[in-house]
Each structure stands twice: as C-alpha cells, then as structure tokens.
C-alpha cells in the first residue's frame, strides 16, 4: 500500500526504471545499456538500486512510478523481478508506486502472474515495451488476455510509444524494430477495452500526431512526457498539453537515463499555462493513480 501525501509532493514522476536487481543483474545486456547511456547522455548513476531510487525521490519530495521491463522471450535476459520492485515500493510507500512488466509471450502463466502481482503485491499498473518485447499491442493472440486482467483489476497499462533509445547506435538497432510502437496500434486496444486506463509513454516521434489523436479520441488514454527534455517537445504537443489534453498529460522523466532535475529545469522554461503546470506535474497523475478522488 502506498502512503503518499500528495499535498506535500512537488511532483509525481510516472515513468522510472528499476535497472538492477538485488543480485546485481539487469533487464538489458551491457551493450544495450552502454548504447542507451551514450544516446541519452546520462548524468549520474546509470544503475541505481531500488533503495537508492527511493532515497533520490524522497530527497526531492517527489513520488515515482517504478517498473522493470520483461522482454525475456525477445532478449533472453531475465528482468529485474517484479516482486522485488513491489517489495521495494512496500518498504518505501511514501515515494515509490509499483508497476510490473509481464512479457506478453508468457501466455497463460503471464496472465496468472499479473493477477497475483495485483492481488498479493499491490501492483498499480503494467509496463509494455512493444519494440523490445517484439509484439504489436493490438495482436489479439498475444496480449489481450493480459489486458483483460488489467482492465478488470482497475490497474493501468503503460505503453512505450515512438522511437526508442534502447538499441540506438548498435548495429541493426540491436534487432529492435520501431514499427511495433506506433501509438495507433494502442488505439485498437483502447477501443476493444473501453474501461482500460492507458498511458502512452513519451513524445511519440515520429508519430506524435497519432498519439495526440488517440488521446483526444479515447477517454481512457493519457500521455506521459518522459524520455525527452521538454526543450525538444514538438509544438503541437505543447499546444495540446495546454488545451485539449490539459487533464491527461503527465510528468515522467525516464529516470535514470533522464533525471527529473534536468527535465524540470527545462520544463520551467516551456510555455505552459500557470494553471496547467500543476496538473501535468502532479494532479493528473494523482487522480489517475487513485491517490486523490476523481
């Protein structure tokens, strides 16, 4: 159970990564980690522990949604255990909000695991990375049983969208295919699961307009702003964040590859209306996560 005092928070970061397990293992191999560090020009520690992440956000009076990425079928690498992420959140309920990640190719076993993570570990949502996991979100034969559990339990489905820094600069992009992360594939999911709460992660380059269209058309779809410095946001994203989507856009950093310090410093210079700024930084996420009443 979270024990978050929303009033005392500066912000809620809806997109942070558990990069290393208690055993020192990571969800990505060293080549992909090193390449992503160069791509993002990482400042600070690339693989903070869960406890270090909690301390980092507590120092800044922020809360953070945290998750691993389970893409074992595609990469052959075991993820940071979801249970370990949830246990760290339970030990730091004032700052960490646990999401999980289930490789959609785990089939019925993955569906059973997802339900157990919600019921026994208090997981609040699930992260999907279609490009790394190697699936189209709207493939009914792959992930739809997982979506049913997520919708039924009232948790959140968070989808990576757009280009990814993972594999960037590696020959062949490390075998990672960008086509899976077009947000229009998630439009089908939102249509087929009308009560599913969805977050489209990142400015969805090169499909930003598609993401904005989906979020304006489907009531349950939100957008997080992680993975990019706000100074690089496309103008239409800023326009929609200020107007039609002011209640559906969420602060996310992509920590540790992009720190909230860097993100917030650049966000302060962005042309966001004064009345919209607190919505993006905290209020929209608090409502979506059930930390405040709708």
C-alpha atoms as a PDB file:
ATOM      1  CA  UNK A   1       0.000   0.000   0.000  1.00  0.00           C
ATOM      2  CA  UNK A   2       1.213   3.463  -0.857  1.00  0.00           C
ATOM      3  CA  UNK A   3       1.329   6.063   1.894  1.00  0.00           C
ATOM      4  CA  UNK A   4       1.816   9.121  -0.238  1.00  0.00           C
ATOM      5  CA  UNK A   5       0.936  12.594   0.980  1.00  0.00           C
ATOM      6  CA  UNK A   6       0.062  14.241  -2.314  1.00  0.00           C
ATOM      7  CA  UNK A   7      -0.166  17.709  -0.794  1.00  0.00           C
ATOM      8  CA  UNK A   8       3.465  17.546   0.294  1.00  0.00           C
ATOM      9  CA  UNK A   9       4.779  16.428  -3.088  1.00  0.00           C
ATOM     10  CA  UNK A  10       6.469  18.657  -5.626  1.00  0.00           C
ATOM     11  CA  UNK A  11       5.671  16.218  -8.442  1.00  0.00           C
ATOM     12  CA  UNK A  12       4.775  12.641  -9.359  1.00  0.00           C
ATOM     13  CA  UNK A  13       7.096  11.030 -11.885  1.00  0.00           C
ATOM     14  CA  UNK A  14       5.083   8.348 -13.677  1.00  0.00           C
ATOM     15  CA  UNK A  15       7.997   6.807 -15.581  1.00  0.00           C
ATOM     16  CA  UNK A  16      11.105   5.470 -13.856  1.00  0.00           C
ATOM     17  CA  UNK A  17      13.034   2.248 -14.343  1.00  0.00           C
ATOM     18  CA  UNK A  18      14.271  -0.413 -11.952  1.00  0.00           C
ATOM     19  CA  UNK A  19      17.606  -1.022 -13.635  1.00  0.00           C
ATOM     20  CA  UNK A  20      19.293  -3.516 -11.345  1.00  0.00           C
ATOM     21  CA  UNK A  21      18.190  -6.310  -9.015  1.00  0.00           C
ATOM     22  CA  UNK A  22      19.473  -7.063  -5.546  1.00  0.00           C
ATOM     23  CA  UNK A  23      21.721  -9.684  -7.194  1.00  0.00           C
ATOM     24  CA  UNK A  24      23.251  -7.074  -9.487  1.00  0.00           C
ATOM     25  CA  UNK A  25      21.503  -8.338 -12.629  1.00  0.00           C
ATOM     26  CA  UNK A  26      19.843  -6.061 -15.165  1.00  0.00           C
ATOM     27  CA  UNK A  27      16.962  -6.431 -17.631  1.00  0.00           C
ATOM     28  CA  UNK A  28      19.199  -5.386 -20.550  1.00  0.00           C
ATOM     29  CA  UNK A  29      22.568  -6.680 -21.653  1.00  0.00           C
ATOM     30  CA  UNK A  30      25.664  -4.496 -21.262  1.00  0.00           C
ATOM     31  CA  UNK A  31      25.824  -3.440 -24.919  1.00  0.00           C
ATOM     32  CA  UNK A  32      22.286  -2.046 -24.876  1.00  0.00           C
ATOM     33  CA  UNK A  33      22.890  -0.326 -21.537  1.00  0.00           C
ATOM     34  CA  UNK A  34      26.072   1.332 -22.752  1.00  0.00           C
ATOM     35  CA  UNK A  35      24.486   2.428 -26.014  1.00  0.00           C
ATOM     36  CA  UNK A  36      21.470   3.936 -24.264  1.00  0.00           C
ATOM     37  CA  UNK A  37      23.735   5.776 -21.823  1.00  0.00           C
ATOM     38  CA  UNK A  38      25.534   7.395 -24.743  1.00  0.00           C
ATOM     39  CA  UNK A  39      22.261   8.164 -26.539  1.00  0.00           C
ATOM     40  CA  UNK A  40      20.719   9.903 -23.528  1.00  0.00           C
ATOM     41  CA  UNK A  41      23.981  11.483 -22.306  1.00  0.00           C
ATOM     42  CA  UNK A  42      23.209  10.036 -18.891  1.00  0.00           C
ATOM     43  CA  UNK A  43      24.071  12.184 -15.881  1.00  0.00           C
ATOM     44  CA  UNK A  44      24.699  10.371 -12.619  1.00  0.00           C
ATOM     45  CA  UNK A  45      24.478   6.694 -11.784  1.00  0.00           C
ATOM     46  CA  UNK A  46      23.165   4.549 -14.651  1.00  0.00           C
ATOM     47  CA  UNK A  47      22.040   1.628 -12.477  1.00  0.00           C
ATOM     48  CA  UNK A  48      20.796   2.909  -9.111  1.00  0.00           C
ATOM     49  CA  UNK A  49      19.396   0.308  -6.749  1.00  0.00           C
ATOM     50  CA  UNK A  50      15.747   0.421  -5.752  1.00  0.00           C
ATOM     51  CA  UNK A  51      16.654   1.834  -2.353  1.00  0.00           C
ATOM     52  CA  UNK A  52      18.859   4.471  -3.961  1.00  0.00           C
ATOM     53  CA  UNK A  53      15.994   5.457  -6.244  1.00  0.00           C
ATOM     54  CA  UNK A  54      13.652   5.776  -3.274  1.00  0.00           C
ATOM     55  CA  UNK A  55      16.147   7.978  -1.440  1.00  0.00           C
ATOM     56  CA  UNK A  56      16.698  10.086  -4.566  1.00  0.00           C
ATOM     57  CA  UNK A  57      12.994  10.862  -4.930  1.00  0.00           C
ATOM     58  CA  UNK A  58      12.420  11.333  -1.208  1.00  0.00           C
ATOM     59  CA  UNK A  59      15.169  13.963  -1.150  1.00  0.00           C
ATOM     60  CA  UNK A  60      13.333  15.836  -3.911  1.00  0.00           C
ATOM     61  CA  UNK A  61       9.876  15.487  -2.317  1.00  0.00           C
ATOM     62  CA  UNK A  62       8.621  13.556  -5.329  1.00  0.00           C
ATOM     63  CA  UNK A  63       6.886  10.222  -5.791  1.00  0.00           C
ATOM     64  CA  UNK A  64       7.807   7.842  -8.591  1.00  0.00           C
ATOM     65  CA  UNK A  65       6.115   5.054 -10.505  1.00  0.00           C
ATOM     66  CA  UNK A  66       8.781   2.386 -10.947  1.00  0.00           C
ATOM     67  CA  UNK A  67       8.946  -0.740 -13.080  1.00  0.00           C
ATOM     68  CA  UNK A  68      11.166  -3.222 -14.838  1.00  0.00           C
ATOM     69  CA  UNK A  69      10.762  -4.383 -18.455  1.00  0.00           C
ATOM     70  CA  UNK A  70      10.187  -8.087 -19.011  1.00  0.00           C
ATOM     71  CA  UNK A  71      11.282  -8.906 -22.560  1.00  0.00           C
ATOM     72  CA  UNK A  72      12.907 -12.251 -21.838  1.00  0.00           C
ATOM     73  CA  UNK A  73      11.361 -14.006 -24.852  1.00  0.00           C
ATOM     74  CA  UNK A  74      12.942 -11.487 -27.223  1.00  0.00           C
ATOM     75  CA  UNK A  75      16.220 -10.757 -25.431  1.00  0.00           C
ATOM     76  CA  UNK A  76      16.988 -13.898 -23.461  1.00  0.00           C
ATOM     77  CA  UNK A  77      17.695 -11.709 -20.431  1.00  0.00           C
ATOM     78  CA  UNK A  78      15.757 -12.158 -17.200  1.00  0.00           C
ATOM     79  CA  UNK A  79      14.140  -8.955 -15.940  1.00  0.00           C
ATOM     80  CA  UNK A  80      14.568  -7.398 -12.545  1.00  0.00           C
ATOM     81  CA  UNK A  81      11.923  -9.383 -10.618  1.00  0.00           C
ATOM     82  CA  UNK A  82       8.540  -7.676 -10.390  1.00  0.00           C
ATOM     83  CA  UNK A  83       8.191  -8.948  -6.849  1.00  0.00           C
ATOM     84  CA  UNK A  84      11.418  -7.218  -5.862  1.00  0.00           C
ATOM     85  CA  UNK A  85      10.182  -3.919  -7.307  1.00  0.00           C
ATOM     86  CA  UNK A  86       6.878  -4.269  -5.443  1.00  0.00           C
ATOM     87  CA  UNK A  87       8.629  -5.163  -2.186  1.00  0.00           C
ATOM     88  CA  UNK A  88      10.861  -2.092  -2.502  1.00  0.00           C
ATOM     89  CA  UNK A  89       7.767   0.042  -3.012  1.00  0.00           C
ATOM     90  CA  UNK A  90       6.144  -1.536   0.036  1.00  0.00           C
ATOM     91  CA  UNK A  91       9.276  -0.668   2.037  1.00  0.00           C
ATOM     92  CA  UNK A  92       9.161   2.911   0.715  1.00  0.00           C
ATOM     93  CA  UNK A  93       5.419   3.612   0.450  1.00  0.00           C
ATOM     94  CA  UNK A  94       5.896   7.363   0.804  1.00  0.00           C
ATOM     95  CA  UNK A  95       7.717   7.658  -2.521  1.00  0.00           C
ATOM     96  CA  UNK A  96       7.517   4.521  -4.713  1.00  0.00           C
ATOM     97  CA  UNK A  97       4.464   3.315  -6.651  1.00  0.00           C
ATOM     98  CA  UNK A  98       4.923  -0.191  -8.076  1.00  0.00           C
ATOM     99  CA  UNK A  99       4.138  -1.136 -11.651  1.00  0.00           C
ATOM    100  CA  UNK A 100       5.064  -4.517 -13.098  1.00  0.00           C
ATOM    101  CA  UNK A 101       6.003  -5.824 -16.530  1.00  0.00           C
ATOM    102  CA  UNK A 102       4.935  -9.152 -17.990  1.00  0.00           C
ATOM    103  CA  UNK A 103       6.381 -10.477 -21.243  1.00  0.00           C
ATOM    104  CA  UNK A 104       3.199 -10.919 -23.318  1.00  0.00           C
ATOM    105  CA  UNK A 105       4.616 -14.140 -24.756  1.00  0.00           C
ATOM    106  CA  UNK A 106       4.394 -15.807 -21.345  1.00  0.00           C
ATOM    107  CA  UNK A 107       0.808 -16.706 -22.204  1.00  0.00           C
ATOM    108  CA  UNK A 108      -1.489 -18.077 -19.509  1.00  0.00           C
ATOM    109  CA  UNK A 109       1.342 -18.191 -16.986  1.00  0.00           C
ATOM    110  CA  UNK A 110       1.886 -14.464 -17.506  1.00  0.00           C
ATOM    111  CA  UNK A 111      -1.812 -13.744 -17.058  1.00  0.00           C
ATOM    112  CA  UNK A 112      -1.845 -15.681 -13.800  1.00  0.00           C
ATOM    113  CA  UNK A 113       1.283 -13.854 -12.640  1.00  0.00           C
ATOM    114  CA  UNK A 114      -0.247 -10.469 -13.449  1.00  0.00           C
ATOM    115  CA  UNK A 115      -3.285 -11.166 -11.319  1.00  0.00           C
ATOM    116  CA  UNK A 116      -1.124 -12.376  -8.430  1.00  0.00           C
ATOM    117  CA  UNK A 117       1.046  -9.241  -8.614  1.00  0.00           C
ATOM    118  CA  UNK A 118      -2.038  -7.065  -8.248  1.00  0.00           C
ATOM    119  CA  UNK A 119      -3.754  -9.095  -5.547  1.00  0.00           C
ATOM    120  CA  UNK A 120      -0.730 -10.053  -3.446  1.00  0.00           C
ATOM    121  CA  UNK A 121       1.802  -7.300  -4.136  1.00  0.00           C
ATOM    122  CA  UNK A 122      -0.362  -4.247  -4.720  1.00  0.00           C
ATOM    123  CA  UNK A 123       0.937  -3.505  -8.208  1.00  0.00           C
ATOM    124  CA  UNK A 124      -0.837  -0.468  -9.707  1.00  0.00           C
ATOM    125  CA  UNK A 125      -0.063  -0.917 -13.397  1.00  0.00           C
ATOM    126  CA  UNK A 126       1.878  -2.739 -16.096  1.00  0.00           C
ATOM    127  CA  UNK A 127       4.581  -1.523 -18.470  1.00  0.00           C
ATOM    128  CA  UNK A 128       4.708  -2.749 -22.062  1.00  0.00           C
ATOM    129  CA  UNK A 129       7.574  -2.023 -24.448  1.00  0.00           C
ATOM    130  CA  UNK A 130       6.353  -3.304 -27.815  1.00  0.00           C
ATOM    131  CA  UNK A 131       9.618  -2.623 -29.649  1.00  0.00           C
ATOM    132  CA  UNK A 132      11.802  -4.514 -27.173  1.00  0.00           C
ATOM    133  CA  UNK A 133       9.201  -7.189 -26.425  1.00  0.00           C
ATOM    134  CA  UNK A 134       8.591  -7.641 -30.152  1.00  0.00           C
ATOM    135  CA  UNK A 135       4.803  -7.506 -30.479  1.00  0.00           C
ATOM    136  CA  UNK A 136       2.021  -5.368 -31.872  1.00  0.00           C
ATOM    137  CA  UNK A 137      -0.139  -4.155 -28.966  1.00  0.00           C
ATOM    138  CA  UNK A 138      -3.291  -4.892 -30.972  1.00  0.00           C
ATOM    139  CA  UNK A 139      -2.357  -8.509 -31.708  1.00  0.00           C
ATOM    140  CA  UNK A 140      -5.289 -10.331 -30.128  1.00  0.00           C
ATOM    141  CA  UNK A 141      -3.351 -13.574 -29.907  1.00  0.00           C
ATOM    142  CA  UNK A 142      -0.555 -12.134 -27.769  1.00  0.00           C
ATOM    143  CA  UNK A 143      -1.565  -9.674 -25.051  1.00  0.00           C
ATOM    144  CA  UNK A 144      -5.347  -9.414 -24.952  1.00  0.00           C
ATOM    145  CA  UNK A 145      -5.707 -11.830 -22.033  1.00  0.00           C
ATOM    146  CA  UNK A 146      -3.313  -9.622 -20.083  1.00  0.00           C
ATOM    147  CA  UNK A 147      -5.346  -6.522 -20.915  1.00  0.00           C
ATOM    148  CA  UNK A 148      -8.461  -8.247 -19.606  1.00  0.00           C
ATOM    149  CA  UNK A 149      -6.835  -8.701 -16.201  1.00  0.00           C
ATOM    150  CA  UNK A 150      -5.541  -5.128 -16.169  1.00  0.00           C
ATOM    151  CA  UNK A 151      -8.948  -3.716 -17.049  1.00  0.00           C
ATOM    152  CA  UNK A 152     -10.737  -5.978 -14.563  1.00  0.00           C
ATOM    153  CA  UNK A 153      -8.428  -5.014 -11.693  1.00  0.00           C
ATOM    154  CA  UNK A 154      -8.592  -1.290 -12.490  1.00  0.00           C
ATOM    155  CA  UNK A 155      -4.837  -1.036 -12.931  1.00  0.00           C
ATOM    156  CA  UNK A 156      -3.031   0.875 -15.681  1.00  0.00           C
ATOM    157  CA  UNK A 157      -1.427  -0.228 -18.957  1.00  0.00           C
ATOM    158  CA  UNK A 158       1.578   1.922 -19.854  1.00  0.00           C
ATOM    159  CA  UNK A 159       2.897   1.502 -23.409  1.00  0.00           C
ATOM    160  CA  UNK A 160       6.201   2.703 -24.769  1.00  0.00           C
ATOM    161  CA  UNK A 161       5.479   4.610 -27.978  1.00  0.00           C
ATOM    162  CA  UNK A 162       7.679   6.079 -30.696  1.00  0.00           C
ATOM    163  CA  UNK A 163      11.381   5.672 -31.269  1.00  0.00           C
ATOM    164  CA  UNK A 164      13.452   4.112 -28.504  1.00  0.00           C
ATOM    165  CA  UNK A 165      16.908   4.975 -27.252  1.00  0.00           C
ATOM    166  CA  UNK A 166      17.408   1.288 -26.460  1.00  0.00           C
ATOM    167  CA  UNK A 167      19.428  -0.155 -29.333  1.00  0.00           C
ATOM    168  CA  UNK A 168      20.140   3.256 -30.852  1.00  0.00           C
ATOM    169  CA  UNK A 169      23.635   3.240 -32.337  1.00  0.00           C
ATOM    170  CA  UNK A 170      24.030  -0.529 -32.060  1.00  0.00           C
ATOM    171  CA  UNK A 171      24.333  -2.361 -35.422  1.00  0.00           C
ATOM    172  CA  UNK A 172      20.820  -3.120 -36.640  1.00  0.00           C
ATOM    173  CA  UNK A 173      19.464  -1.300 -33.611  1.00  0.00           C
ATOM    174  CA  UNK A 174      20.155  -4.430 -31.612  1.00  0.00           C
ATOM    175  CA  UNK A 175      17.407  -6.139 -33.606  1.00  0.00           C
ATOM    176  CA  UNK A 176      14.778  -3.843 -32.066  1.00  0.00           C
ATOM    177  CA  UNK A 177      12.037  -2.829 -34.502  1.00  0.00           C
ATOM    178  CA  UNK A 178      10.377   0.551 -34.187  1.00  0.00           C
ATOM    179  CA  UNK A 179       7.177  -0.372 -36.048  1.00  0.00           C
ATOM    180  CA  UNK A 180       5.664  -2.059 -33.001  1.00  0.00           C
ATOM    181  CA  UNK A 181       5.475   1.219 -31.082  1.00  0.00           C
ATOM    182  CA  UNK A 182       3.199   3.276 -33.305  1.00  0.00           C
ATOM    183  CA  UNK A 183       0.514   4.572 -30.908  1.00  0.00           C
ATOM    184  CA  UNK A 184      -2.211   3.812 -33.459  1.00  0.00           C
ATOM    185  CA  UNK A 185      -1.824   0.148 -32.505  1.00  0.00           C
ATOM    186  CA  UNK A 186      -2.851   1.135 -28.971  1.00  0.00           C
ATOM    187  CA  UNK A 187      -5.940   2.863 -30.370  1.00  0.00           C
ATOM    188  CA  UNK A 188      -7.283  -0.613 -31.143  1.00  0.00           C
ATOM    189  CA  UNK A 189      -6.610  -1.676 -27.563  1.00  0.00           C
ATOM    190  CA  UNK A 190      -8.449   1.371 -26.222  1.00  0.00           C
ATOM    191  CA  UNK A 191     -11.403   0.608 -28.484  1.00  0.00           C
ATOM    192  CA  UNK A 192     -11.508  -3.071 -27.510  1.00  0.00           C
ATOM    193  CA  UNK A 193     -11.085  -2.352 -23.775  1.00  0.00           C
ATOM    194  CA  UNK A 194     -13.110   0.831 -23.239  1.00  0.00           C
ATOM    195  CA  UNK A 195     -12.588   0.905 -19.460  1.00  0.00           C
ATOM    196  CA  UNK A 196      -8.844   0.228 -19.564  1.00  0.00           C
ATOM    197  CA  UNK A 197      -6.688   3.068 -18.225  1.00  0.00           C
ATOM    198  CA  UNK A 198      -3.825   3.646 -20.680  1.00  0.00           C
ATOM    199  CA  UNK A 199      -0.704   5.802 -20.731  1.00  0.00           C
ATOM    200  CA  UNK A 200       1.142   6.419 -23.989  1.00  0.00           C
ATOM    201  CA  UNK A 201       4.725   6.932 -22.877  1.00  0.00           C
ATOM    202  CA  UNK A 202       6.961   9.608 -24.378  1.00  0.00           C
ATOM    203  CA  UNK A 203       6.572  12.174 -27.120  1.00  0.00           C
ATOM    204  CA  UNK A 204       5.822   9.563 -29.795  1.00  0.00           C
ATOM    205  CA  UNK A 205       8.287  10.586 -32.522  1.00  0.00           C
ATOM    206  CA  UNK A 206       7.712  10.079 -35.437  1.00  0.00           C
ATOM    207  CA  UNK A 207       4.030   9.528 -34.592  1.00  0.00           C
ATOM    208  CA  UNK A 208       3.294  12.493 -32.339  1.00  0.00           C
ATOM    209  CA  UNK A 209       0.115  13.489 -34.167  1.00  0.00           C
ATOM    210  CA  UNK A 210      -1.166   9.921 -33.949  1.00  0.00           C
ATOM    211  CA  UNK A 211      -0.661   9.887 -30.192  1.00  0.00           C
ATOM    212  CA  UNK A 212      -2.472  13.210 -29.789  1.00  0.00           C
ATOM    213  CA  UNK A 213      -5.343  11.921 -31.924  1.00  0.00           C
ATOM    214  CA  UNK A 214      -5.704   8.755 -29.859  1.00  0.00           C
ATOM    215  CA  UNK A 215      -5.566  10.627 -26.541  1.00  0.00           C
ATOM    216  CA  UNK A 216      -8.178  13.177 -27.622  1.00  0.00           C
ATOM    217  CA  UNK A 217     -10.479  10.490 -29.035  1.00  0.00           C
ATOM    218  CA  UNK A 218     -10.295   7.819 -26.317  1.00  0.00           C
ATOM    219  CA  UNK A 219     -11.241   8.984 -22.784  1.00  0.00           C
ATOM    220  CA  UNK A 220      -9.042   6.415 -21.041  1.00  0.00           C
ATOM    221  CA  UNK A 221      -5.826   7.309 -22.870  1.00  0.00           C
ATOM    222  CA  UNK A 222      -3.218   9.619 -21.326  1.00  0.00           C
ATOM    223  CA  UNK A 223       0.251  10.753 -22.423  1.00  0.00           C
ATOM    224  CA  UNK A 224       3.407  10.896 -20.334  1.00  0.00           C
ATOM    225  CA  UNK A 225       6.213  13.264 -21.284  1.00  0.00           C
ATOM    226  CA  UNK A 226       9.168  11.076 -20.346  1.00  0.00           C
ATOM    227  CA  UNK A 227      12.334  10.355 -22.259  1.00  0.00           C
ATOM    228  CA  UNK A 228      12.710  13.801 -23.802  1.00  0.00           C
ATOM    229  CA  UNK A 229      13.913  17.094 -22.447  1.00  0.00           C
ATOM    230  CA  UNK A 230      10.937  19.480 -22.641  1.00  0.00           C
ATOM    231  CA  UNK A 231      13.003  21.867 -24.747  1.00  0.00           C
ATOM    232  CA  UNK A 232      12.693  19.366 -27.595  1.00  0.00           C
ATOM    233  CA  UNK A 233       8.918  18.851 -27.361  1.00  0.00           C
ATOM    234  CA  UNK A 234       7.182  19.347 -30.718  1.00  0.00           C
ATOM    235  CA  UNK A 235       4.955  22.453 -30.735  1.00  0.00           C
ATOM    236  CA  UNK A 236       1.726  20.533 -31.259  1.00  0.00           C
ATOM    237  CA  UNK A 237       2.390  18.529 -28.091  1.00  0.00           C
ATOM    238  CA  UNK A 238       2.798  21.744 -26.097  1.00  0.00           C
ATOM    239  CA  UNK A 239      -0.360  23.174 -27.664  1.00  0.00           C
ATOM    240  CA  UNK A 240      -2.465  20.124 -26.779  1.00  0.00           C
ATOM    241  CA  UNK A 241      -0.959  19.896 -23.282  1.00  0.00           C
ATOM    242  CA  UNK A 242      -2.102  23.482 -22.703  1.00  0.00           C
ATOM    243  CA  UNK A 243      -5.620  22.917 -24.056  1.00  0.00           C
ATOM    244  CA  UNK A 244      -7.471  19.750 -25.057  1.00  0.00           C
ATOM    245  CA  UNK A 245      -5.254  17.369 -23.097  1.00  0.00           C
ATOM    246  CA  UNK A 246      -4.508  19.515 -20.042  1.00  0.00           C
ATOM    247  CA  UNK A 247      -6.119  16.883 -17.783  1.00  0.00           C
ATOM    248  CA  UNK A 248      -4.461  13.897 -19.497  1.00  0.00           C
ATOM    249  CA  UNK A 249      -0.779  14.804 -19.792  1.00  0.00           C
ATOM    250  CA  UNK A 250       1.625  13.518 -17.141  1.00  0.00           C
ATOM    251  CA  UNK A 251       5.122  14.299 -15.945  1.00  0.00           C
ATOM    252  CA  UNK A 252       7.570  11.458 -16.467  1.00  0.00           C
ATOM    253  CA  UNK A 253      11.345  11.595 -16.630  1.00  0.00           C
ATOM    254  CA  UNK A 254      12.620   8.135 -17.714  1.00  0.00           C
ATOM    255  CA  UNK A 255      14.992   8.087 -14.740  1.00  0.00           C
ATOM    256  CA  UNK A 256      17.821   7.142 -14.566  1.00  0.00           C
ATOM    257  CA  UNK A 257      18.532   7.870 -18.257  1.00  0.00           C
ATOM    258  CA  UNK A 258      16.970  11.312 -17.853  1.00  0.00           C
ATOM    259  CA  UNK A 259      16.880  12.849 -14.403  1.00  0.00           C
ATOM    260  CA  UNK A 260      13.884  14.729 -13.041  1.00  0.00           C
ATOM    261  CA  UNK A 261      16.256  17.589 -12.184  1.00  0.00           C
ATOM    262  CA  UNK A 262      17.158  18.077 -15.837  1.00  0.00           C
ATOM    263  CA  UNK A 263      13.577  17.553 -17.011  1.00  0.00           C
ATOM    264  CA  UNK A 264      12.048  20.009 -14.532  1.00  0.00           C
ATOM    265  CA  UNK A 265      14.664  22.675 -15.244  1.00  0.00           C
ATOM    266  CA  UNK A 266      13.771  22.597 -18.930  1.00  0.00           C
ATOM    267  CA  UNK A 267      10.028  22.307 -18.212  1.00  0.00           C
ATOM    268  CA  UNK A 268      10.217  25.550 -16.218  1.00  0.00           C
ATOM    269  CA  UNK A 269      11.213  27.321 -19.443  1.00  0.00           C
ATOM    270  CA  UNK A 270       8.411  25.794 -21.505  1.00  0.00           C
ATOM    271  CA  UNK A 271       5.365  27.862 -22.494  1.00  0.00           C
ATOM    272  CA  UNK A 272       2.888  26.036 -20.279  1.00  0.00           C
ATOM    273  CA  UNK A 273      -0.002  27.954 -18.721  1.00  0.00           C
ATOM    274  CA  UNK A 274       0.305  28.570 -14.994  1.00  0.00           C
ATOM    275  CA  UNK A 275      -2.966  26.772 -14.273  1.00  0.00           C
ATOM    276  CA  UNK A 276      -1.881  23.736 -16.345  1.00  0.00           C
ATOM    277  CA  UNK A 277       1.586  23.296 -14.875  1.00  0.00           C
ATOM    278  CA  UNK A 278       0.449  21.693 -11.561  1.00  0.00           C
ATOM    279  CA  UNK A 279      -1.890  19.390 -13.473  1.00  0.00           C
ATOM    280  CA  UNK A 280       0.991  17.985 -15.501  1.00  0.00           C
ATOM    281  CA  UNK A 281       3.427  17.796 -12.611  1.00  0.00           C
ATOM    282  CA  UNK A 282       1.165  16.153 -10.053  1.00  0.00           C
ATOM    283  CA  UNK A 283      -2.603  16.484 -10.163  1.00  0.00           C
ATOM    284  CA  UNK A 284      -3.363  14.415 -13.261  1.00  0.00           C
ATOM    285  CA  UNK A 285      -1.167  11.549 -12.105  1.00  0.00           C
ATOM    286  CA  UNK A 286      -2.575  11.621  -8.575  1.00  0.00           C
ATOM    287  CA  UNK A 287      -6.092  11.275  -9.937  1.00  0.00           C
ATOM    288  CA  UNK A 288      -5.186   8.521 -12.433  1.00  0.00           C
ATOM    289  CA  UNK A 289      -3.295   6.535  -9.792  1.00  0.00           C
ATOM    290  CA  UNK A 290      -6.142   6.832  -7.319  1.00  0.00           C
ATOM    291  CA  UNK A 291      -4.160   8.922  -4.859  1.00  0.00           C
ATOM    292  CA  UNK A 292      -6.864  11.587  -4.880  1.00  0.00           C
ATOM    293  CA  UNK A 293     -10.585  11.442  -5.593  1.00  0.00           C
ATOM    294  CA  UNK A 294     -11.693  12.000  -9.225  1.00  0.00           C
END
